[in-house]
Amino acid sequence: MSSPRQRLDAVWVATLLATGITWWAGESGLGAAAPWAAAAVFALSLAKGVAIGLEFMELRGAPAVWRRFVIGWLVMVIALIATLRLLAG
């Protein structure tokens, strides 16, 4: 079993990689040309937000209502942005 420090390091590296991938997709224009790329960017953003909330904001050990509130808010914001992107064309 990994230590909390190792888990935090792994989450940090994963968020760095996800940030690099989303940056690359945006800078290459791939997100505008391919709908699947935009969906991947939104999915990575959600995964990063959940990881940051659970690990770095320490919501993993918080009462369930706080986890649900923060993750629910994140899902709603990303869904709103994705919907607006679809409506914009």
PDB file of N, CA and C in Angstrom:
ATOM      1  N   MET A   1       0.841  -1.178   0.000  1.00  0.00           N
ATOM      2  CA  MET A   1       0.000   0.000   0.000  1.00  0.00           C
ATOM      3  C   MET A   1       0.884   1.239   0.000  1.00  0.00           C
ATOM      4  N   SER A   2       0.481   2.221  -0.766  1.00  0.00           N
ATOM      5  CA  SER A   2       1.303   3.421  -0.884  1.00  0.00           C
ATOM      6  C   SER A   2       1.036   4.383   0.266  1.00  0.00           C
ATOM      7  N   SER A   3       2.013   5.188   0.543  1.00  0.00           N
ATOM      8  CA  SER A   3       1.874   6.181   1.602  1.00  0.00           C
ATOM      9  C   SER A   3       1.076   7.370   1.061  1.00  0.00           C
ATOM     10  N   PRO A   4       0.528   8.189   1.968  1.00  0.00           N
ATOM     11  CA  PRO A   4      -0.198   9.384   1.505  1.00  0.00           C
ATOM     12  C   PRO A   4       0.680  10.303   0.657  1.00  0.00           C
ATOM     13  N   ARG A   5       1.949  10.383   0.993  1.00  0.00           N
ATOM     14  CA  ARG A   5       2.871  11.224   0.220  1.00  0.00           C
ATOM     15  C   ARG A   5       3.008  10.701  -1.202  1.00  0.00           C
ATOM     16  N   GLN A   6       3.128   9.388  -1.363  1.00  0.00           N
ATOM     17  CA  GLN A   6       3.243   8.808  -2.701  1.00  0.00           C
ATOM     18  C   GLN A   6       1.971   9.035  -3.507  1.00  0.00           C
ATOM     19  N   ARG A   7       0.816   8.928  -2.833  1.00  0.00           N
ATOM     20  CA  ARG A   7      -0.454   9.158  -3.517  1.00  0.00           C
ATOM     21  C   ARG A   7      -0.553  10.611  -3.985  1.00  0.00           C
ATOM     22  N   LEU A   8      -0.173  11.549  -3.120  1.00  0.00           N
ATOM     23  CA  LEU A   8      -0.198  12.963  -3.501  1.00  0.00           C
ATOM     24  C   LEU A   8       0.751  13.239  -4.668  1.00  0.00           C
ATOM     25  N   ASP A   9       1.920  12.636  -4.623  1.00  0.00           N
ATOM     26  CA  ASP A   9       2.863  12.812  -5.718  1.00  0.00           C
ATOM     27  C   ASP A   9       2.297  12.256  -7.025  1.00  0.00           C
ATOM     28  N   ALA A  10       1.658  11.104  -6.959  1.00  0.00           N
ATOM     29  CA  ALA A  10       1.070  10.501  -8.156  1.00  0.00           C
ATOM     30  C   ALA A  10      -0.058  11.366  -8.710  1.00  0.00           C
ATOM     31  N   VAL A  11      -0.892  11.901  -7.831  1.00  0.00           N
ATOM     32  CA  VAL A  11      -1.983  12.780  -8.274  1.00  0.00           C
ATOM     33  C   VAL A  11      -1.410  14.045  -8.888  1.00  0.00           C
ATOM     34  N   TRP A  12      -0.363  14.593  -8.284  1.00  0.00           N
ATOM     35  CA  TRP A  12       0.260  15.802  -8.801  1.00  0.00           C
ATOM     36  C   TRP A  12       0.817  15.560 -10.208  1.00  0.00           C
ATOM     37  N   VAL A  13       1.521  14.448 -10.401  1.00  0.00           N
ATOM     38  CA  VAL A  13       2.075  14.125 -11.720  1.00  0.00           C
ATOM     39  C   VAL A  13       0.942  13.911 -12.726  1.00  0.00           C
ATOM     40  N   ALA A  14      -0.122  13.227 -12.314  1.00  0.00           N
ATOM     41  CA  ALA A  14      -1.253  12.990 -13.214  1.00  0.00           C
ATOM     42  C   ALA A  14      -1.921  14.304 -13.617  1.00  0.00           C
ATOM     43  N   THR A  15      -2.064  15.242 -12.693  1.00  0.00           N
ATOM     44  CA  THR A  15      -2.668  16.523 -13.053  1.00  0.00           C
ATOM     45  C   THR A  15      -1.745  17.325 -13.971  1.00  0.00           C
ATOM     46  N   LEU A  16      -0.444  17.210 -13.761  1.00  0.00           N
ATOM     47  CA  LEU A  16       0.494  17.878 -14.677  1.00  0.00           C
ATOM     48  C   LEU A  16       0.379  17.308 -16.087  1.00  0.00           C
ATOM     49  N   LEU A  17       0.313  15.987 -16.191  1.00  0.00           N
ATOM     50  CA  LEU A  17       0.169  15.358 -17.508  1.00  0.00           C
ATOM     51  C   LEU A  17      -1.156  15.751 -18.169  1.00  0.00           C
ATOM     52  N   ALA A  18      -2.230  15.737 -17.391  1.00  0.00           N
ATOM     53  CA  ALA A  18      -3.537  16.115 -17.932  1.00  0.00           C
ATOM     54  C   ALA A  18      -3.532  17.573 -18.382  1.00  0.00           C
ATOM     55  N   THR A  19      -2.872  18.439 -17.629  1.00  0.00           N
ATOM     56  CA  THR A  19      -2.768  19.842 -18.020  1.00  0.00           C
ATOM     57  C   THR A  19      -1.986  19.974 -19.320  1.00  0.00           C
ATOM     58  N   GLY A  20      -0.904  19.224 -19.451  1.00  0.00           N
ATOM     59  CA  GLY A  20      -0.129  19.252 -20.689  1.00  0.00           C
ATOM     60  C   GLY A  20      -0.935  18.777 -21.886  1.00  0.00           C
ATOM     61  N   ILE A  21      -1.714  17.742 -21.696  1.00  0.00           N
ATOM     62  CA  ILE A  21      -2.536  17.210 -22.790  1.00  0.00           C
ATOM     63  C   ILE A  21      -3.601  18.216 -23.201  1.00  0.00           C
ATOM     64  N   THR A  22      -4.271  18.826 -22.222  1.00  0.00           N
ATOM     65  CA  THR A  22      -5.310  19.802 -22.559  1.00  0.00           C
ATOM     66  C   THR A  22      -4.700  21.043 -23.209  1.00  0.00           C
ATOM     67  N   TRP A  23      -3.536  21.455 -22.743  1.00  0.00           N
ATOM     68  CA  TRP A  23      -2.857  22.598 -23.370  1.00  0.00           C
ATOM     69  C   TRP A  23      -2.518  22.278 -24.818  1.00  0.00           C
ATOM     70  N   TRP A  24      -1.958  21.094 -25.040  1.00  0.00           N
ATOM     71  CA  TRP A  24      -1.600  20.680 -26.394  1.00  0.00           C
ATOM     72  C   TRP A  24      -2.826  20.648 -27.309  1.00  0.00           C
ATOM     73  N   ALA A  25      -3.931  20.095 -26.810  1.00  0.00           N
ATOM     74  CA  ALA A  25      -5.150  20.014 -27.626  1.00  0.00           C
ATOM     75  C   ALA A  25      -5.662  21.410 -27.974  1.00  0.00           C
ATOM     76  N   GLY A  26      -5.560  22.330 -27.038  1.00  0.00           N
ATOM     77  CA  GLY A  26      -6.015  23.689 -27.310  1.00  0.00           C
ATOM     78  C   GLY A  26      -5.100  24.444 -28.248  1.00  0.00           C
ATOM     79  N   GLU A  27      -3.804  24.328 -28.055  1.00  0.00           N
ATOM     80  CA  GLU A  27      -2.840  25.049 -28.883  1.00  0.00           C
ATOM     81  C   GLU A  27      -2.735  24.477 -30.294  1.00  0.00           C
ATOM     82  N   SER A  28      -2.975  23.196 -30.438  1.00  0.00           N
ATOM     83  CA  SER A  28      -2.873  22.593 -31.764  1.00  0.00           C
ATOM     84  C   SER A  28      -4.120  22.826 -32.603  1.00  0.00           C
ATOM     85  N   GLY A  29      -5.176  23.324 -31.973  1.00  0.00           N
ATOM     86  CA  GLY A  29      -6.417  23.521 -32.698  1.00  0.00           C
ATOM     87  C   GLY A  29      -7.234  22.254 -32.815  1.00  0.00           C
ATOM     88  N   LEU A  30      -6.780  21.198 -32.207  1.00  0.00           N
ATOM     89  CA  LEU A  30      -7.463  19.913 -32.287  1.00  0.00           C
ATOM     90  C   LEU A  30      -8.849  19.989 -31.650  1.00  0.00           C
ATOM     91  N   GLY A  31      -8.976  20.734 -30.556  1.00  0.00           N
ATOM     92  CA  GLY A  31     -10.256  20.838 -29.867  1.00  0.00           C
ATOM     93  C   GLY A  31     -11.335  21.474 -30.719  1.00  0.00           C
ATOM     94  N   ALA A  32     -10.948  22.420 -31.595  1.00  0.00           N
ATOM     95  CA  ALA A  32     -11.926  23.074 -32.458  1.00  0.00           C
ATOM     96  C   ALA A  32     -12.285  22.193 -33.652  1.00  0.00           C
ATOM     97  N   ALA A  33     -11.357  21.347 -34.086  1.00  0.00           N
ATOM     98  CA  ALA A  33     -11.574  20.544 -35.286  1.00  0.00           C
ATOM     99  C   ALA A  33     -12.253  19.207 -34.998  1.00  0.00           C
ATOM    100  N   ALA A  34     -12.012  18.647 -33.831  1.00  0.00           N
ATOM    101  CA  ALA A  34     -12.529  17.310 -33.532  1.00  0.00           C
ATOM    102  C   ALA A  34     -13.377  17.358 -32.258  1.00  0.00           C
ATOM    103  N   PRO A  35     -14.656  17.030 -32.369  1.00  0.00           N
ATOM    104  CA  PRO A  35     -15.520  17.060 -31.176  1.00  0.00           C
ATOM    105  C   PRO A  35     -15.041  16.109 -30.076  1.00  0.00           C
ATOM    106  N   TRP A  36     -14.438  14.997 -30.442  1.00  0.00           N
ATOM    107  CA  TRP A  36     -13.975  14.050 -29.428  1.00  0.00           C
ATOM    108  C   TRP A  36     -12.841  14.663 -28.612  1.00  0.00           C
ATOM    109  N   ALA A  37     -12.046  15.527 -29.233  1.00  0.00           N
ATOM    110  CA  ALA A  37     -10.945  16.164 -28.497  1.00  0.00           C
ATOM    111  C   ALA A  37     -11.487  17.133 -27.459  1.00  0.00           C
ATOM    112  N   ALA A  38     -12.528  17.878 -27.824  1.00  0.00           N
ATOM    113  CA  ALA A  38     -13.142  18.790 -26.859  1.00  0.00           C
ATOM    114  C   ALA A  38     -13.763  17.992 -25.714  1.00  0.00           C
ATOM    115  N   ALA A  39     -14.397  16.884 -26.026  1.00  0.00           N
ATOM    116  CA  ALA A  39     -14.974  16.037 -24.976  1.00  0.00           C
ATOM    117  C   ALA A  39     -13.880  15.489 -24.067  1.00  0.00           C
ATOM    118  N   ALA A  40     -12.740  15.139 -24.647  1.00  0.00           N
ATOM    119  CA  ALA A  40     -11.617  14.643 -23.848  1.00  0.00           C
ATOM    120  C   ALA A  40     -11.083  15.736 -22.931  1.00  0.00           C
ATOM    121  N   VAL A  41     -11.028  16.963 -23.420  1.00  0.00           N
ATOM    122  CA  VAL A  41     -10.567  18.081 -22.594  1.00  0.00           C
ATOM    123  C   VAL A  41     -11.518  18.287 -21.421  1.00  0.00           C
ATOM    124  N   PHE A  42     -12.814  18.235 -21.670  1.00  0.00           N
ATOM    125  CA  PHE A  42     -13.780  18.385 -20.581  1.00  0.00           C
ATOM    126  C   PHE A  42     -13.676  17.234 -19.582  1.00  0.00           C
ATOM    127  N   ALA A  43     -13.485  16.026 -20.077  1.00  0.00           N
ATOM    128  CA  ALA A  43     -13.347  14.869 -19.181  1.00  0.00           C
ATOM    129  C   ALA A  43     -12.082  14.976 -18.337  1.00  0.00           C
ATOM    130  N   LEU A  44     -10.989  15.403 -18.945  1.00  0.00           N
ATOM    131  CA  LEU A  44      -9.751  15.586 -18.182  1.00  0.00           C
ATOM    132  C   LEU A  44      -9.906  16.702 -17.148  1.00  0.00           C
ATOM    133  N   SER A  45     -10.611  17.751 -17.514  1.00  0.00           N
ATOM    134  CA  SER A  45     -10.849  18.840 -16.562  1.00  0.00           C
ATOM    135  C   SER A  45     -11.652  18.355 -15.366  1.00  0.00           C
ATOM    136  N   LEU A  46     -12.651  17.541 -15.627  1.00  0.00           N
ATOM    137  CA  LEU A  46     -13.442  16.978 -14.532  1.00  0.00           C
ATOM    138  C   LEU A  46     -12.589  16.078 -13.655  1.00  0.00           C
ATOM    139  N   ALA A  47     -11.796  15.221 -14.273  1.00  0.00           N
ATOM    140  CA  ALA A  47     -10.928  14.321 -13.502  1.00  0.00           C
ATOM    141  C   ALA A  47      -9.926  15.098 -12.660  1.00  0.00           C
ATOM    142  N   LYS A  48      -9.342  16.144 -13.234  1.00  0.00           N
ATOM    143  CA  LYS A  48      -8.404  16.970 -12.482  1.00  0.00           C
ATOM    144  C   LYS A  48      -9.093  17.651 -11.312  1.00  0.00           C
ATOM    145  N   GLY A  49     -10.284  18.183 -11.542  1.00  0.00           N
ATOM    146  CA  GLY A  49     -11.018  18.852 -10.471  1.00  0.00           C
ATOM    147  C   GLY A  49     -11.366  17.915  -9.329  1.00  0.00           C
ATOM    148  N   VAL A  50     -11.801  16.715  -9.663  1.00  0.00           N
ATOM    149  CA  VAL A  50     -12.131  15.727  -8.635  1.00  0.00           C
ATOM    150  C   VAL A  50     -10.876  15.328  -7.866  1.00  0.00           C
ATOM    151  N   ALA A  51      -9.790  15.095  -8.583  1.00  0.00           N
ATOM    152  CA  ALA A  51      -8.537  14.712  -7.919  1.00  0.00           C
ATOM    153  C   ALA A  51      -8.048  15.819  -6.987  1.00  0.00           C
ATOM    154  N   ILE A  52      -8.100  17.042  -7.446  1.00  0.00           N
ATOM    155  CA  ILE A  52      -7.662  18.165  -6.606  1.00  0.00           C
ATOM    156  C   ILE A  52      -8.564  18.307  -5.394  1.00  0.00           C
ATOM    157  N   GLY A  53      -9.872  18.181  -5.603  1.00  0.00           N
ATOM    158  CA  GLY A  53     -10.797  18.288  -4.484  1.00  0.00           C
ATOM    159  C   GLY A  53     -10.595  17.198  -3.449  1.00  0.00           C
ATOM    160  N   LEU A  54     -10.456  15.968  -3.909  1.00  0.00           N
ATOM    161  CA  LEU A  54     -10.326  14.852  -2.972  1.00  0.00           C
ATOM    162  C   LEU A  54      -8.980  14.825  -2.271  1.00  0.00           C
ATOM    163  N   GLU A  55      -7.915  15.093  -3.007  1.00  0.00           N
ATOM    164  CA  GLU A  55      -6.577  14.941  -2.435  1.00  0.00           C
ATOM    165  C   GLU A  55      -6.034  16.218  -1.811  1.00  0.00           C
ATOM    166  N   PHE A  56      -6.042  17.323  -2.557  1.00  0.00           N
ATOM    167  CA  PHE A  56      -5.381  18.527  -2.073  1.00  0.00           C
ATOM    168  C   PHE A  56      -6.287  19.397  -1.205  1.00  0.00           C
ATOM    169  N   MET A  57      -7.605  19.323  -1.433  1.00  0.00           N
ATOM    170  CA  MET A  57      -8.542  20.034  -0.560  1.00  0.00           C
ATOM    171  C   MET A  57      -9.002  19.132   0.590  1.00  0.00           C
ATOM    172  N   GLU A  58      -8.506  17.910   0.585  1.00  0.00           N
ATOM    173  CA  GLU A  58      -8.763  16.910   1.624  1.00  0.00           C
ATOM    174  C   GLU A  58     -10.247  16.609   1.818  1.00  0.00           C
ATOM    175  N   LEU A  59     -10.976  16.581   0.707  1.00  0.00           N
ATOM    176  CA  LEU A  59     -12.397  16.233   0.783  1.00  0.00           C
ATOM    177  C   LEU A  59     -12.611  14.736   0.945  1.00  0.00           C
ATOM    178  N   ARG A  60     -11.587  13.956   0.717  1.00  0.00           N
ATOM    179  CA  ARG A  60     -11.716  12.505   0.884  1.00  0.00           C
ATOM    180  C   ARG A  60     -12.129  12.161   2.315  1.00  0.00           C
ATOM    181  N   GLY A  61     -11.624  12.909   3.283  1.00  0.00           N
ATOM    182  CA  GLY A  61     -11.944  12.643   4.679  1.00  0.00           C
ATOM    183  C   GLY A  61     -13.034  13.544   5.228  1.00  0.00           C
ATOM    184  N   ALA A  62     -13.586  14.410   4.390  1.00  0.00           N
ATOM    185  CA  ALA A  62     -14.628  15.347   4.829  1.00  0.00           C
ATOM    186  C   ALA A  62     -15.992  14.649   4.820  1.00  0.00           C
ATOM    187  N   PRO A  63     -16.976  15.254   5.472  1.00  0.00           N
ATOM    188  CA  PRO A  63     -18.330  14.693   5.406  1.00  0.00           C
ATOM    189  C   PRO A  63     -18.813  14.582   3.959  1.00  0.00           C
ATOM    190  N   ALA A  64     -19.610  13.564   3.701  1.00  0.00           N
ATOM    191  CA  ALA A  64     -20.066  13.275   2.335  1.00  0.00           C
ATOM    192  C   ALA A  64     -20.790  14.452   1.697  1.00  0.00           C
ATOM    193  N   VAL A  65     -21.497  15.239   2.482  1.00  0.00           N
ATOM    194  CA  VAL A  65     -22.231  16.368   1.925  1.00  0.00           C
ATOM    195  C   VAL A  65     -21.280  17.366   1.258  1.00  0.00           C
ATOM    196  N   TRP A  66     -20.108  17.564   1.816  1.00  0.00           N
ATOM    197  CA  TRP A  66     -19.142  18.492   1.226  1.00  0.00           C
ATOM    198  C   TRP A  66     -18.566  17.934  -0.062  1.00  0.00           C
ATOM    199  N   ARG A  67     -18.248  16.637  -0.068  1.00  0.00           N
ATOM    200  CA  ARG A  67     -17.751  16.016  -1.306  1.00  0.00           C
ATOM    201  C   ARG A  67     -18.799  16.127  -2.405  1.00  0.00           C
ATOM    202  N   ARG A  68     -20.029  15.807  -2.074  1.00  0.00           N
ATOM    203  CA  ARG A  68     -21.109  15.870  -3.078  1.00  0.00           C
ATOM    204  C   ARG A  68     -21.318  17.296  -3.572  1.00  0.00           C
ATOM    205  N   PHE A  69     -21.257  18.246  -2.673  1.00  0.00           N
ATOM    206  CA  PHE A  69     -21.453  19.641  -3.060  1.00  0.00           C
ATOM    207  C   PHE A  69     -20.358  20.106  -4.009  1.00  0.00           C
ATOM    208  N   VAL A  70     -19.107  19.888  -3.663  1.00  0.00           N
ATOM    209  CA  VAL A  70     -17.993  20.359  -4.487  1.00  0.00           C
ATOM    210  C   VAL A  70     -17.951  19.631  -5.825  1.00  0.00           C
ATOM    211  N   ILE A  71     -18.080  18.319  -5.816  1.00  0.00           N
ATOM    212  CA  ILE A  71     -18.032  17.561  -7.070  1.00  0.00           C
ATOM    213  C   ILE A  71     -19.273  17.858  -7.918  1.00  0.00           C
ATOM    214  N   GLY A  72     -20.422  18.004  -7.287  1.00  0.00           N
ATOM    215  CA  GLY A  72     -21.642  18.368  -8.018  1.00  0.00           C
ATOM    216  C   GLY A  72     -21.521  19.723  -8.683  1.00  0.00           C
ATOM    217  N   TRP A  73     -20.952  20.686  -7.957  1.00  0.00           N
ATOM    218  CA  TRP A  73     -20.737  22.016  -8.519  1.00  0.00           C
ATOM    219  C   TRP A  73     -19.808  21.922  -9.733  1.00  0.00           C
ATOM    220  N   LEU A  74     -18.749  21.150  -9.595  1.00  0.00           N
ATOM    221  CA  LEU A  74     -17.795  20.982 -10.683  1.00  0.00           C
ATOM    222  C   LEU A  74     -18.461  20.354 -11.910  1.00  0.00           C
ATOM    223  N   VAL A  75     -19.251  19.317 -11.691  1.00  0.00           N
ATOM    224  CA  VAL A  75     -19.953  18.662 -12.800  1.00  0.00           C
ATOM    225  C   VAL A  75     -20.903  19.645 -13.482  1.00  0.00           C
ATOM    226  N   MET A  76     -21.627  20.443 -12.699  1.00  0.00           N
ATOM    227  CA  MET A  76     -22.571  21.403 -13.279  1.00  0.00           C
ATOM    228  C   MET A  76     -21.849  22.470 -14.105  1.00  0.00           C
ATOM    229  N   VAL A  77     -20.739  22.976 -13.611  1.00  0.00           N
ATOM    230  CA  VAL A  77     -20.001  24.004 -14.350  1.00  0.00           C
ATOM    231  C   VAL A  77     -19.453  23.441 -15.660  1.00  0.00           C
ATOM    232  N   ILE A  78     -18.871  22.258 -15.618  1.00  0.00           N
ATOM    233  CA  ILE A  78     -18.326  21.670 -16.843  1.00  0.00           C
ATOM    234  C   ILE A  78     -19.450  21.331 -17.816  1.00  0.00           C
ATOM    235  N   ALA A  79     -20.575  20.846 -17.316  1.00  0.00           N
ATOM    236  CA  ALA A  79     -21.721  20.556 -18.190  1.00  0.00           C
ATOM    237  C   ALA A  79     -22.246  21.835 -18.840  1.00  0.00           C
ATOM    238  N   LEU A  80     -22.295  22.921 -18.096  1.00  0.00           N
ATOM    239  CA  LEU A  80     -22.741  24.201 -18.653  1.00  0.00           C
ATOM    240  C   LEU A  80     -21.789  24.685 -19.742  1.00  0.00           C
ATOM    241  N   ILE A  81     -20.499  24.612 -19.485  1.00  0.00           N
ATOM    242  CA  ILE A  81     -19.508  25.045 -20.484  1.00  0.00           C
ATOM    243  C   ILE A  81     -19.579  24.152 -21.722  1.00  0.00           C
ATOM    244  N   ALA A  82     -19.707  22.845 -21.527  1.00  0.00           N
ATOM    245  CA  ALA A  82     -19.805  21.922 -22.665  1.00  0.00           C
ATOM    246  C   ALA A  82     -21.067  22.206 -23.475  1.00  0.00           C
ATOM    247  N   THR A  83     -22.167  22.468 -22.799  1.00  0.00           N
ATOM    248  CA  THR A  83     -23.426  22.789 -23.504  1.00  0.00           C
ATOM    249  C   THR A  83     -23.284  24.065 -24.304  1.00  0.00           C
ATOM    250  N   LEU A  84     -22.698  25.084 -23.705  1.00  0.00           N
ATOM    251  CA  LEU A  84     -22.500  26.345 -24.427  1.00  0.00           C
ATOM    252  C   LEU A  84     -21.581  26.162 -25.633  1.00  0.00           C
ATOM    253  N   ARG A  85     -20.570  25.294 -25.484  1.00  0.00           N
ATOM    254  CA  ARG A  85     -19.682  25.025 -26.614  1.00  0.00           C
ATOM    255  C   ARG A  85     -20.435  24.332 -27.753  1.00  0.00           C
ATOM    256  N   LEU A  86     -21.308  23.391 -27.391  1.00  0.00           N
ATOM    257  CA  LEU A  86     -22.087  22.699 -28.421  1.00  0.00           C
ATOM    258  C   LEU A  86     -23.058  23.663 -29.121  1.00  0.00           C
ATOM    259  N   LEU A  87     -23.654  24.568 -28.360  1.00  0.00           N
ATOM    260  CA  LEU A  87     -24.596  25.507 -28.947  1.00  0.00           C
ATOM    261  C   LEU A  87     -23.891  26.540 -29.829  1.00  0.00           C
ATOM    262  N   ALA A  88     -22.650  26.858 -29.490  1.00  0.00           N
ATOM    263  CA  ALA A  88     -21.891  27.837 -30.270  1.00  0.00           C
ATOM    264  C   ALA A  88     -21.429  27.262 -31.611  1.00  0.00           C
ATOM    265  N   GLY A  89     -21.434  25.974 -31.712  1.00  0.00           N
ATOM    266  CA  GLY A  89     -21.067  25.374 -32.994  1.00  0.00           C
ATOM    267  C   GLY A  89     -19.776  24.721 -32.942  1.00  0.00           C
TER     268      GLY A  89
END
